[in-house]
Amino acid sequence: MGVNRVILICALAGSAVFYVLYPYWFSWYLFVLLLILIPFDLLASFPGMLTRRVSLNAPRVLEQKSDGQLVVTTLQSKPFPAGRIKVKIIVTSEERTTRPQLLCDAAGGSEYRIKIDTSHCGLTAFELKRINMTSLLGLFSIPVKVNRRAAVLVLPIPVKPPHIRSLPRGIILRPRPGGGFSEDHELRPYRSGDPVRSIHWKISAKHDSLIIREPLIPQAHNRLVQIIRWEGAQERDIILGRLRWISDYLLKWELPYYIRLGKDGPIAEITENGEFISYLYRVLDGPGHSLPIPASIPVRFAWVFRIDARD
């Protein structure tokens, strides 16, 4: 834009000198024409400058060391002419903040792509707070406030923790209070006080003794996976990689668990992989995202698995 202004000023100065040296009608018209270009540029471009928009689109989740791109799209709500759009995007991660700039065409539907850094796991936020709309001749620029945001969660590569002997290896079942029906059950000898309807008559006849068919249900879980706060990208890759491995293991065995960042950090109940991803997304996105408190949290956890970056 500054170059266009310098060119116009030089053209005006040259036409003024031309008019002084050759005071004929065409030199005067040339000088007036250059002057008229200034308000014409603003009036002709103003409607288009106010009707241009910019959108940000990025995948919500990416795998570490995979390819991903942020797509910046210019939108045109009205077919008015306008100049280019200057876009400054704020890219924020846990380690640094950068502000790349784009000079986009005014035509609606134009796309520009920025590569997303996936060398480390974590969350990268892209924010667009203001764009500068330039006129057709580039003589004027109008700042327009916008509020666009896109965040990308880069999932870590699963890393097997060094000590996993205490991991549960299956669903723990317990007798169902009050009896009733359950797909899981066990057979045991009759004890005084057992309901008669629970007697398995066919097997009792074979063993010549009363056998009870006792229904079993999964034991209420009180498992906690606690992650220690990391320092730097390298530790974050190790800790979150081990966390993902543990989460995949527990969910594979259909073992729900609680997860907590630090001793008193946000806690959530994880019963499926989507809840695990949502927990990481909100925790890594900082204080702007609050986590819902689980309906019930055990007073004490019988099984606690702590994850840090040590071997």
C-alpha atoms as a PDB file:
ATOM      1  CA  MET A   1       0.000   0.000   0.000  1.00  0.00           C
ATOM      2  CA  GLY A   2       2.856   2.386   0.795  1.00  0.00           C
ATOM      3  CA  VAL A   3       4.377   1.833  -2.643  1.00  0.00           C
ATOM      4  CA  ASN A   4       1.081   2.752  -4.328  1.00  0.00           C
ATOM      5  CA  ARG A   5       0.895   5.971  -2.334  1.00  0.00           C
ATOM      6  CA  VAL A   6       4.467   6.906  -3.303  1.00  0.00           C
ATOM      7  CA  ILE A   7       3.663   6.257  -6.960  1.00  0.00           C
ATOM      8  CA  LEU A   8       0.556   8.474  -6.776  1.00  0.00           C
ATOM      9  CA  ILE A   9       2.471  11.299  -5.064  1.00  0.00           C
ATOM     10  CA  CYS A  10       5.203  11.114  -7.714  1.00  0.00           C
ATOM     11  CA  ALA A  11       2.563  11.124 -10.447  1.00  0.00           C
ATOM     12  CA  LEU A  12       0.881  14.202  -8.925  1.00  0.00           C
ATOM     13  CA  ALA A  13       4.203  15.989  -8.599  1.00  0.00           C
ATOM     14  CA  GLY A  14       5.105  15.117 -12.176  1.00  0.00           C
ATOM     15  CA  SER A  15       1.744  16.320 -13.520  1.00  0.00           C
ATOM     16  CA  ALA A  16       2.082  19.570 -11.542  1.00  0.00           C
ATOM     17  CA  VAL A  17       5.529  20.205 -13.054  1.00  0.00           C
ATOM     18  CA  PHE A  18       4.160  19.258 -16.469  1.00  0.00           C
ATOM     19  CA  TYR A  19       1.339  21.799 -16.034  1.00  0.00           C
ATOM     20  CA  VAL A  20       3.786  24.560 -15.016  1.00  0.00           C
ATOM     21  CA  LEU A  21       6.029  23.917 -18.012  1.00  0.00           C
ATOM     22  CA  TYR A  22       3.221  23.327 -20.489  1.00  0.00           C
ATOM     23  CA  PRO A  23       0.074  25.200 -19.287  1.00  0.00           C
ATOM     24  CA  TYR A  24      -2.338  23.646 -21.743  1.00  0.00           C
ATOM     25  CA  TRP A  25      -5.736  22.124 -21.095  1.00  0.00           C
ATOM     26  CA  PHE A  26      -4.625  18.477 -21.293  1.00  0.00           C
ATOM     27  CA  SER A  27      -1.926  18.981 -18.624  1.00  0.00           C
ATOM     28  CA  TRP A  28      -4.539  20.489 -16.309  1.00  0.00           C
ATOM     29  CA  TYR A  29      -6.948  17.626 -16.968  1.00  0.00           C
ATOM     30  CA  LEU A  30      -4.189  15.120 -16.217  1.00  0.00           C
ATOM     31  CA  PHE A  31      -3.508  16.746 -12.854  1.00  0.00           C
ATOM     32  CA  VAL A  32      -7.240  16.862 -11.978  1.00  0.00           C
ATOM     33  CA  LEU A  33      -7.692  13.246 -13.065  1.00  0.00           C
ATOM     34  CA  LEU A  34      -4.963  12.098 -10.693  1.00  0.00           C
ATOM     35  CA  LEU A  35      -6.590  14.055  -7.864  1.00  0.00           C
ATOM     36  CA  ILE A  36      -9.986  12.500  -8.585  1.00  0.00           C
ATOM     37  CA  LEU A  37      -8.466   9.015  -8.315  1.00  0.00           C
ATOM     38  CA  ILE A  38      -8.048   9.481  -4.553  1.00  0.00           C
ATOM     39  CA  PRO A  39     -11.749   9.859  -3.551  1.00  0.00           C
ATOM     40  CA  PHE A  40     -12.791   7.526  -6.380  1.00  0.00           C
ATOM     41  CA  ASP A  41     -10.578   4.754  -4.999  1.00  0.00           C
ATOM     42  CA  LEU A  42     -12.131   5.100  -1.559  1.00  0.00           C
ATOM     43  CA  LEU A  43     -15.768   5.413  -2.690  1.00  0.00           C
ATOM     44  CA  ALA A  44     -15.561   2.573  -5.201  1.00  0.00           C
ATOM     45  CA  SER A  45     -13.834   0.202  -2.765  1.00  0.00           C
ATOM     46  CA  PHE A  46     -15.626   1.055   0.477  1.00  0.00           C
ATOM     47  CA  PRO A  47     -18.664  -1.271   0.063  1.00  0.00           C
ATOM     48  CA  GLY A  48     -16.445  -4.187  -0.939  1.00  0.00           C
ATOM     49  CA  MET A  49     -14.024  -3.553   1.917  1.00  0.00           C
ATOM     50  CA  LEU A  50     -16.858  -3.886   4.434  1.00  0.00           C
ATOM     51  CA  THR A  51     -18.340  -7.057   2.929  1.00  0.00           C
ATOM     52  CA  ARG A  52     -15.190  -9.222   2.856  1.00  0.00           C
ATOM     53  CA  ARG A  53     -14.657 -11.871   5.500  1.00  0.00           C
ATOM     54  CA  VAL A  54     -11.987 -14.425   6.337  1.00  0.00           C
ATOM     55  CA  SER A  55     -12.491 -17.887   7.870  1.00  0.00           C
ATOM     56  CA  LEU A  56     -10.091 -20.336   9.513  1.00  0.00           C
ATOM     57  CA  ASN A  57     -10.468 -24.103   9.165  1.00  0.00           C
ATOM     58  CA  ALA A  58      -8.220 -26.782  10.613  1.00  0.00           C
ATOM     59  CA  PRO A  59      -8.588 -30.432  11.680  1.00  0.00           C
ATOM     60  CA  ARG A  60      -9.535 -30.745  15.340  1.00  0.00           C
ATOM     61  CA  VAL A  61      -7.170 -33.670  15.967  1.00  0.00           C
ATOM     62  CA  LEU A  62      -3.933 -34.730  14.268  1.00  0.00           C
ATOM     63  CA  GLU A  63      -1.452 -37.478  14.949  1.00  0.00           C
ATOM     64  CA  GLN A  64       2.062 -36.474  15.925  1.00  0.00           C
ATOM     65  CA  LYS A  65       4.452 -36.221  12.939  1.00  0.00           C
ATOM     66  CA  SER A  66       1.565 -36.330  10.455  1.00  0.00           C
ATOM     67  CA  ASP A  67       0.694 -33.727   7.806  1.00  0.00           C
ATOM     68  CA  GLY A  68      -1.925 -31.097   8.547  1.00  0.00           C
ATOM     69  CA  GLN A  69      -2.789 -27.641   7.266  1.00  0.00           C
ATOM     70  CA  LEU A  70      -4.697 -24.574   8.372  1.00  0.00           C
ATOM     71  CA  VAL A  71      -6.912 -23.321   5.553  1.00  0.00           C
ATOM     72  CA  VAL A  72      -7.510 -19.558   5.365  1.00  0.00           C
ATOM     73  CA  THR A  73     -10.479 -18.759   3.107  1.00  0.00           C
ATOM     74  CA  THR A  74     -11.620 -15.334   1.941  1.00  0.00           C
ATOM     75  CA  LEU A  75     -15.393 -14.913   1.796  1.00  0.00           C
ATOM     76  CA  GLN A  76     -17.400 -12.464  -0.318  1.00  0.00           C
ATOM     77  CA  SER A  77     -20.954 -11.732   0.795  1.00  0.00           C
ATOM     78  CA  LYS A  78     -21.629  -9.044  -1.859  1.00  0.00           C
ATOM     79  CA  PRO A  79     -20.238  -8.713  -5.407  1.00  0.00           C
ATOM     80  CA  PHE A  80     -18.540  -5.365  -4.750  1.00  0.00           C
ATOM     81  CA  PRO A  81     -14.986  -4.648  -5.939  1.00  0.00           C
ATOM     82  CA  ALA A  82     -12.203  -4.331  -3.378  1.00  0.00           C
ATOM     83  CA  GLY A  83      -8.469  -4.719  -3.041  1.00  0.00           C
ATOM     84  CA  ARG A  84      -6.416  -7.288  -1.221  1.00  0.00           C
ATOM     85  CA  ILE A  85      -6.790  -8.442   2.365  1.00  0.00           C
ATOM     86  CA  LYS A  86      -3.899  -8.379   4.822  1.00  0.00           C
ATOM     87  CA  VAL A  87      -4.263 -11.151   7.387  1.00  0.00           C
ATOM     88  CA  LYS A  88      -2.153 -11.520  10.526  1.00  0.00           C
ATOM     89  CA  ILE A  89      -2.699 -14.808  12.360  1.00  0.00           C
ATOM     90  CA  ILE A  90      -1.616 -15.414  15.960  1.00  0.00           C
ATOM     91  CA  VAL A  91      -0.261 -18.961  16.312  1.00  0.00           C
ATOM     92  CA  THR A  92       0.027 -19.977  19.962  1.00  0.00           C
ATOM     93  CA  SER A  93       1.496 -23.153  21.404  1.00  0.00           C
ATOM     94  CA  GLU A  94       2.845 -23.950  24.855  1.00  0.00           C
ATOM     95  CA  GLU A  95       6.382 -22.993  23.839  1.00  0.00           C
ATOM     96  CA  ARG A  96       6.029 -19.938  21.620  1.00  0.00           C
ATOM     97  CA  THR A  97       3.781 -17.468  19.813  1.00  0.00           C
ATOM     98  CA  THR A  98       4.251 -16.436  16.183  1.00  0.00           C
ATOM     99  CA  ARG A  99       2.377 -14.032  13.901  1.00  0.00           C
ATOM    100  CA  PRO A 100       2.571 -15.063  10.245  1.00  0.00           C
ATOM    101  CA  GLN A 101       1.064 -12.656   7.702  1.00  0.00           C
ATOM    102  CA  LEU A 102      -0.797 -13.360   4.474  1.00  0.00           C
ATOM    103  CA  LEU A 103      -1.684 -11.053   1.596  1.00  0.00           C
ATOM    104  CA  CYS A 104      -4.904 -12.549   0.215  1.00  0.00           C
ATOM    105  CA  ASP A 105      -6.758 -11.735  -2.985  1.00  0.00           C
ATOM    106  CA  ALA A 106     -10.083  -9.986  -2.665  1.00  0.00           C
ATOM    107  CA  ALA A 107     -11.911 -12.610  -4.700  1.00  0.00           C
ATOM    108  CA  GLY A 108     -14.242 -14.715  -2.572  1.00  0.00           C
ATOM    109  CA  GLY A 109     -13.402 -18.383  -2.198  1.00  0.00           C
ATOM    110  CA  SER A 110      -9.623 -17.957  -2.388  1.00  0.00           C
ATOM    111  CA  GLU A 111      -7.779 -20.424  -0.145  1.00  0.00           C
ATOM    112  CA  TYR A 112      -4.382 -20.145   1.512  1.00  0.00           C
ATOM    113  CA  ARG A 113      -2.745 -22.943   3.467  1.00  0.00           C
ATOM    114  CA  ILE A 114      -0.379 -22.854   6.429  1.00  0.00           C
ATOM    115  CA  LYS A 115       1.413 -26.023   7.489  1.00  0.00           C
ATOM    116  CA  ILE A 116       0.719 -27.111  11.067  1.00  0.00           C
ATOM    117  CA  ASP A 117       3.731 -28.083  13.146  1.00  0.00           C
ATOM    118  CA  THR A 118       3.216 -31.651  14.420  1.00  0.00           C
ATOM    119  CA  SER A 119       6.770 -32.394  15.501  1.00  0.00           C
ATOM    120  CA  HIS A 120       5.583 -32.395  19.136  1.00  0.00           C
ATOM    121  CA  CYS A 121       2.270 -33.277  20.703  1.00  0.00           C
ATOM    122  CA  GLY A 122       0.141 -30.618  22.319  1.00  0.00           C
ATOM    123  CA  LEU A 123      -2.386 -28.002  21.293  1.00  0.00           C
ATOM    124  CA  THR A 124      -1.833 -25.229  18.765  1.00  0.00           C
ATOM    125  CA  ALA A 125      -4.335 -22.374  18.574  1.00  0.00           C
ATOM    126  CA  PHE A 126      -4.791 -20.122  15.536  1.00  0.00           C
ATOM    127  CA  GLU A 127      -6.467 -16.772  16.211  1.00  0.00           C
ATOM    128  CA  LEU A 128      -7.516 -14.029  13.834  1.00  0.00           C
ATOM    129  CA  LYS A 129      -8.498 -10.805  15.600  1.00  0.00           C
ATOM    130  CA  ARG A 130      -8.142  -8.194  12.884  1.00  0.00           C
ATOM    131  CA  ILE A 131      -7.818  -7.958   9.105  1.00  0.00           C
ATOM    132  CA  ASN A 132      -6.854  -4.969   6.981  1.00  0.00           C
ATOM    133  CA  MET A 133      -8.971  -4.355   3.889  1.00  0.00           C
ATOM    134  CA  THR A 134      -7.167  -2.409   1.158  1.00  0.00           C
ATOM    135  CA  SER A 135      -8.791  -0.408  -1.619  1.00  0.00           C
ATOM    136  CA  LEU A 136      -8.642  -1.190  -5.335  1.00  0.00           C
ATOM    137  CA  LEU A 137      -5.624   1.058  -5.964  1.00  0.00           C
ATOM    138  CA  GLY A 138      -4.076   0.275  -2.605  1.00  0.00           C
ATOM    139  CA  LEU A 139      -4.273   3.871  -1.357  1.00  0.00           C
ATOM    140  CA  PHE A 140      -6.448   3.173   1.707  1.00  0.00           C
ATOM    141  CA  SER A 141      -6.605   0.478   4.343  1.00  0.00           C
ATOM    142  CA  ILE A 142      -9.431  -0.145   6.813  1.00  0.00           C
ATOM    143  CA  PRO A 143      -8.863  -2.390   9.868  1.00  0.00           C
ATOM    144  CA  VAL A 144     -11.802  -4.706  10.554  1.00  0.00           C
ATOM    145  CA  LYS A 145     -12.147  -6.522  13.858  1.00  0.00           C
ATOM    146  CA  VAL A 146     -12.940 -10.210  13.612  1.00  0.00           C
ATOM    147  CA  ASN A 147     -13.007 -13.067  16.079  1.00  0.00           C
ATOM    148  CA  ARG A 148     -11.945 -16.313  14.452  1.00  0.00           C
ATOM    149  CA  ARG A 149     -10.250 -19.209  16.195  1.00  0.00           C
ATOM    150  CA  ALA A 150      -9.226 -22.744  15.318  1.00  0.00           C
ATOM    151  CA  ALA A 151      -7.395 -25.140  17.652  1.00  0.00           C
ATOM    152  CA  VAL A 152      -5.623 -28.358  16.723  1.00  0.00           C
ATOM    153  CA  LEU A 153      -4.811 -31.130  19.189  1.00  0.00           C
ATOM    154  CA  VAL A 154      -1.733 -33.111  18.158  1.00  0.00           C
ATOM    155  CA  LEU A 155      -2.037 -36.553  19.738  1.00  0.00           C
ATOM    156  CA  PRO A 156       1.179 -38.135  21.014  1.00  0.00           C
ATOM    157  CA  ILE A 157       2.661 -41.374  19.736  1.00  0.00           C
ATOM    158  CA  PRO A 158       1.741 -44.116  22.267  1.00  0.00           C
ATOM    159  CA  VAL A 159       4.763 -45.023  24.395  1.00  0.00           C
ATOM    160  CA  LYS A 160       4.748 -48.066  26.679  1.00  0.00           C
ATOM    161  CA  PRO A 161       5.603 -47.035  30.266  1.00  0.00           C
ATOM    162  CA  PRO A 162       8.601 -48.733  31.905  1.00  0.00           C
ATOM    163  CA  HIS A 163       6.655 -50.236  34.856  1.00  0.00           C
ATOM    164  CA  ILE A 164       3.277 -51.792  34.073  1.00  0.00           C
ATOM    165  CA  ARG A 165       3.112 -54.799  36.401  1.00  0.00           C
ATOM    166  CA  SER A 166       0.288 -53.265  38.417  1.00  0.00           C
ATOM    167  CA  LEU A 167      -2.031 -52.827  35.434  1.00  0.00           C
ATOM    168  CA  PRO A 168      -5.346 -54.705  35.706  1.00  0.00           C
ATOM    169  CA  ARG A 169      -5.883 -57.452  33.170  1.00  0.00           C
ATOM    170  CA  GLY A 170      -9.612 -57.827  32.871  1.00  0.00           C
ATOM    171  CA  ILE A 171     -12.946 -56.757  34.277  1.00  0.00           C
ATOM    172  CA  ILE A 172     -13.413 -57.461  37.975  1.00  0.00           C
ATOM    173  CA  LEU A 173     -16.865 -58.828  38.727  1.00  0.00           C
ATOM    174  CA  ARG A 174     -18.705 -58.925  42.039  1.00  0.00           C
ATOM    175  CA  PRO A 175     -21.972 -60.562  43.153  1.00  0.00           C
ATOM    176  CA  ARG A 176     -25.008 -58.532  42.326  1.00  0.00           C
ATOM    177  CA  PRO A 177     -26.776 -57.328  45.487  1.00  0.00           C
ATOM    178  CA  GLY A 178     -30.266 -58.782  45.786  1.00  0.00           C
ATOM    179  CA  GLY A 179     -29.677 -61.364  43.073  1.00  0.00           C
ATOM    180  CA  GLY A 180     -31.656 -61.160  39.835  1.00  0.00           C
ATOM    181  CA  PHE A 181     -30.577 -61.835  36.276  1.00  0.00           C
ATOM    182  CA  SER A 182     -27.194 -61.134  34.719  1.00  0.00           C
ATOM    183  CA  GLU A 183     -25.387 -62.471  31.679  1.00  0.00           C
ATOM    184  CA  ASP A 184     -22.298 -63.042  33.822  1.00  0.00           C
ATOM    185  CA  HIS A 185     -22.680 -65.449  36.703  1.00  0.00           C
ATOM    186  CA  GLU A 186     -20.890 -68.066  38.771  1.00  0.00           C
ATOM    187  CA  LEU A 187     -21.951 -71.377  40.283  1.00  0.00           C
ATOM    188  CA  ARG A 188     -21.409 -72.029  43.971  1.00  0.00           C
ATOM    189  CA  PRO A 189     -22.835 -74.275  46.702  1.00  0.00           C
ATOM    190  CA  TYR A 190     -26.044 -73.239  48.366  1.00  0.00           C
ATOM    191  CA  ARG A 191     -25.718 -71.251  51.594  1.00  0.00           C
ATOM    192  CA  SER A 192     -28.367 -70.621  54.164  1.00  0.00           C
ATOM    193  CA  GLY A 193     -30.435 -67.578  53.250  1.00  0.00           C
ATOM    194  CA  ASP A 194     -29.965 -67.863  49.482  1.00  0.00           C
ATOM    195  CA  PRO A 195     -33.220 -67.354  47.545  1.00  0.00           C
ATOM    196  CA  VAL A 196     -34.775 -70.533  46.205  1.00  0.00           C
ATOM    197  CA  ARG A 197     -35.261 -68.986  42.745  1.00  0.00           C
ATOM    198  CA  SER A 198     -31.474 -68.825  42.336  1.00  0.00           C
ATOM    199  CA  ILE A 199     -31.013 -72.599  42.598  1.00  0.00           C
ATOM    200  CA  HIS A 200     -29.806 -74.191  39.355  1.00  0.00           C
ATOM    201  CA  TRP A 201     -31.917 -77.355  39.463  1.00  0.00           C
ATOM    202  CA  LYS A 202     -30.341 -79.223  36.532  1.00  0.00           C
ATOM    203  CA  ILE A 203     -26.770 -78.869  37.810  1.00  0.00           C
ATOM    204  CA  SER A 204     -27.944 -79.521  41.378  1.00  0.00           C
ATOM    205  CA  ALA A 205     -29.431 -82.833  40.235  1.00  0.00           C
ATOM    206  CA  LYS A 206     -26.141 -83.844  38.604  1.00  0.00           C
ATOM    207  CA  HIS A 207     -24.060 -83.035  41.695  1.00  0.00           C
ATOM    208  CA  ASP A 208     -26.655 -84.290  44.146  1.00  0.00           C
ATOM    209  CA  SER A 209     -26.371 -81.001  46.057  1.00  0.00           C
ATOM    210  CA  LEU A 210     -27.888 -77.568  45.782  1.00  0.00           C
ATOM    211  CA  ILE A 211     -25.979 -75.245  43.429  1.00  0.00           C
ATOM    212  CA  ILE A 212     -26.679 -71.527  43.236  1.00  0.00           C
ATOM    213  CA  ARG A 213     -26.459 -69.518  40.024  1.00  0.00           C
ATOM    214  CA  GLU A 214     -25.168 -66.195  41.397  1.00  0.00           C
ATOM    215  CA  PRO A 215     -25.382 -63.164  39.056  1.00  0.00           C
ATOM    216  CA  LEU A 216     -22.238 -61.022  38.704  1.00  0.00           C
ATOM    217  CA  ILE A 217     -21.857 -57.382  37.704  1.00  0.00           C
ATOM    218  CA  PRO A 218     -18.741 -55.285  37.057  1.00  0.00           C
ATOM    219  CA  GLN A 219     -17.221 -53.894  40.206  1.00  0.00           C
ATOM    220  CA  ALA A 220     -17.554 -50.143  40.623  1.00  0.00           C
ATOM    221  CA  HIS A 221     -14.277 -48.749  39.359  1.00  0.00           C
ATOM    222  CA  ASN A 222     -12.014 -46.621  41.506  1.00  0.00           C
ATOM    223  CA  ARG A 223      -9.005 -46.427  39.234  1.00  0.00           C
ATOM    224  CA  LEU A 224      -7.004 -43.227  38.838  1.00  0.00           C
ATOM    225  CA  VAL A 225      -4.347 -42.338  36.271  1.00  0.00           C
ATOM    226  CA  GLN A 226      -2.388 -39.333  37.497  1.00  0.00           C
ATOM    227  CA  ILE A 227      -0.037 -37.441  35.192  1.00  0.00           C
ATOM    228  CA  ILE A 228       2.766 -35.251  36.479  1.00  0.00           C
ATOM    229  CA  ARG A 229       3.085 -31.769  35.018  1.00  0.00           C
ATOM    230  CA  TRP A 230       5.780 -31.651  32.337  1.00  0.00           C
ATOM    231  CA  GLU A 231       8.492 -29.131  31.594  1.00  0.00           C
ATOM    232  CA  GLY A 232       9.156 -28.597  27.922  1.00  0.00           C
ATOM    233  CA  ALA A 233       8.082 -30.275  24.720  1.00  0.00           C
ATOM    234  CA  GLN A 234      10.292 -33.354  25.140  1.00  0.00           C
ATOM    235  CA  GLU A 235       8.804 -34.269  28.525  1.00  0.00           C
ATOM    236  CA  ARG A 236       5.304 -33.578  27.226  1.00  0.00           C
ATOM    237  CA  ASP A 237       5.835 -36.046  24.373  1.00  0.00           C
ATOM    238  CA  ILE A 238       6.962 -38.748  26.823  1.00  0.00           C
ATOM    239  CA  ILE A 239       4.285 -38.177  29.484  1.00  0.00           C
ATOM    240  CA  LEU A 240       1.338 -37.823  27.120  1.00  0.00           C
ATOM    241  CA  GLY A 241       2.635 -40.702  25.001  1.00  0.00           C
ATOM    242  CA  ARG A 242       2.663 -42.967  28.060  1.00  0.00           C
ATOM    243  CA  LEU A 243      -0.747 -41.645  29.072  1.00  0.00           C
ATOM    244  CA  ARG A 244      -2.197 -42.524  25.686  1.00  0.00           C
ATOM    245  CA  TRP A 245      -0.747 -46.035  25.880  1.00  0.00           C
ATOM    246  CA  ILE A 246      -2.293 -46.579  29.330  1.00  0.00           C
ATOM    247  CA  SER A 247      -5.624 -45.169  28.170  1.00  0.00           C
ATOM    248  CA  ASP A 248      -5.689 -47.444  25.106  1.00  0.00           C
ATOM    249  CA  TYR A 249      -4.856 -50.425  27.322  1.00  0.00           C
ATOM    250  CA  LEU A 250      -7.586 -49.761  29.892  1.00  0.00           C
ATOM    251  CA  LEU A 251     -10.256 -48.974  27.310  1.00  0.00           C
ATOM    252  CA  LYS A 252      -9.322 -52.105  25.357  1.00  0.00           C
ATOM    253  CA  TRP A 253     -10.196 -54.133  28.447  1.00  0.00           C
ATOM    254  CA  GLU A 254     -13.345 -52.012  28.920  1.00  0.00           C
ATOM    255  CA  LEU A 255     -11.977 -50.607  32.168  1.00  0.00           C
ATOM    256  CA  PRO A 256     -13.178 -47.023  32.781  1.00  0.00           C
ATOM    257  CA  TYR A 257     -10.907 -44.845  34.873  1.00  0.00           C
ATOM    258  CA  TYR A 258     -10.419 -41.344  36.242  1.00  0.00           C
ATOM    259  CA  ILE A 259      -7.673 -39.080  34.974  1.00  0.00           C
ATOM    260  CA  ARG A 260      -6.128 -36.136  36.777  1.00  0.00           C
ATOM    261  CA  LEU A 261      -3.388 -33.636  35.936  1.00  0.00           C
ATOM    262  CA  GLY A 262      -1.202 -33.227  39.015  1.00  0.00           C
ATOM    263  CA  LYS A 263      -2.385 -33.722  42.591  1.00  0.00           C
ATOM    264  CA  ASP A 264      -5.204 -31.181  42.564  1.00  0.00           C
ATOM    265  CA  GLY A 265      -5.664 -30.548  38.841  1.00  0.00           C
ATOM    266  CA  PRO A 266      -8.774 -31.089  36.713  1.00  0.00           C
ATOM    267  CA  ILE A 267     -10.231 -34.591  36.940  1.00  0.00           C
ATOM    268  CA  ALA A 268     -12.514 -36.427  34.539  1.00  0.00           C
ATOM    269  CA  GLU A 269     -13.998 -39.895  34.131  1.00  0.00           C
ATOM    270  CA  ILE A 270     -12.899 -41.669  30.961  1.00  0.00           C
ATOM    271  CA  THR A 271     -15.094 -44.426  29.543  1.00  0.00           C
ATOM    272  CA  GLU A 272     -14.247 -44.086  25.834  1.00  0.00           C
ATOM    273  CA  ASN A 273     -11.526 -42.686  23.608  1.00  0.00           C
ATOM    274  CA  GLY A 274     -13.585 -39.618  22.693  1.00  0.00           C
ATOM    275  CA  GLU A 275     -13.680 -38.531  26.342  1.00  0.00           C
ATOM    276  CA  PHE A 276      -9.906 -38.997  26.566  1.00  0.00           C
ATOM    277  CA  ILE A 277      -9.344 -36.733  23.555  1.00  0.00           C
ATOM    278  CA  SER A 278     -11.790 -34.159  24.936  1.00  0.00           C
ATOM    279  CA  TYR A 279      -9.928 -34.132  28.274  1.00  0.00           C
ATOM    280  CA  LEU A 280      -6.568 -33.487  26.586  1.00  0.00           C
ATOM    281  CA  TYR A 281      -8.126 -30.826  24.368  1.00  0.00           C
ATOM    282  CA  ARG A 282      -9.549 -28.854  27.275  1.00  0.00           C
ATOM    283  CA  VAL A 283      -6.584 -29.244  29.619  1.00  0.00           C
ATOM    284  CA  LEU A 284      -4.029 -28.225  27.000  1.00  0.00           C
ATOM    285  CA  ASP A 285      -6.166 -25.317  25.835  1.00  0.00           C
ATOM    286  CA  GLY A 286      -5.573 -23.511  29.100  1.00  0.00           C
ATOM    287  CA  PRO A 287      -7.922 -21.869  31.604  1.00  0.00           C
ATOM    288  CA  GLY A 288     -10.373 -20.781  28.916  1.00  0.00           C
ATOM    289  CA  HIS A 289     -11.930 -24.256  28.892  1.00  0.00           C
ATOM    290  CA  SER A 290     -13.511 -25.533  32.107  1.00  0.00           C
ATOM    291  CA  LEU A 291     -13.958 -29.241  32.709  1.00  0.00           C
ATOM    292  CA  PRO A 292     -17.277 -30.606  33.985  1.00  0.00           C
ATOM    293  CA  ILE A 293     -16.934 -32.206  37.400  1.00  0.00           C
ATOM    294  CA  PRO A 294     -17.777 -35.943  37.383  1.00  0.00           C
ATOM    295  CA  ALA A 295     -21.068 -36.843  39.046  1.00  0.00           C
ATOM    296  CA  SER A 296     -19.321 -39.016  41.632  1.00  0.00           C
ATOM    297  CA  ILE A 297     -15.653 -39.293  42.558  1.00  0.00           C
ATOM    298  CA  PRO A 298     -14.402 -42.050  44.915  1.00  0.00           C
ATOM    299  CA  VAL A 299     -13.184 -40.804  48.276  1.00  0.00           C
ATOM    300  CA  ARG A 300     -10.145 -43.039  47.932  1.00  0.00           C
ATOM    301  CA  PHE A 301      -8.749 -44.754  44.883  1.00  0.00           C
ATOM    302  CA  ALA A 302      -7.785 -48.394  45.261  1.00  0.00           C
ATOM    303  CA  TRP A 303      -5.587 -48.316  42.157  1.00  0.00           C
ATOM    304  CA  VAL A 304      -3.426 -45.318  41.211  1.00  0.00           C
ATOM    305  CA  PHE A 305      -1.031 -45.246  38.287  1.00  0.00           C
ATOM    306  CA  ARG A 306       1.302 -42.240  38.160  1.00  0.00           C
ATOM    307  CA  ILE A 307       2.919 -41.169  34.914  1.00  0.00           C
ATOM    308  CA  ASP A 308       6.017 -38.997  34.630  1.00  0.00           C
ATOM    309  CA  ALA A 309       8.989 -38.683  32.285  1.00  0.00           C
ATOM    310  CA  ARG A 310      11.399 -40.791  34.352  1.00  0.00           C
ATOM    311  CA  ASP A 311      12.604 -44.198  33.207  1.00  0.00           C
END
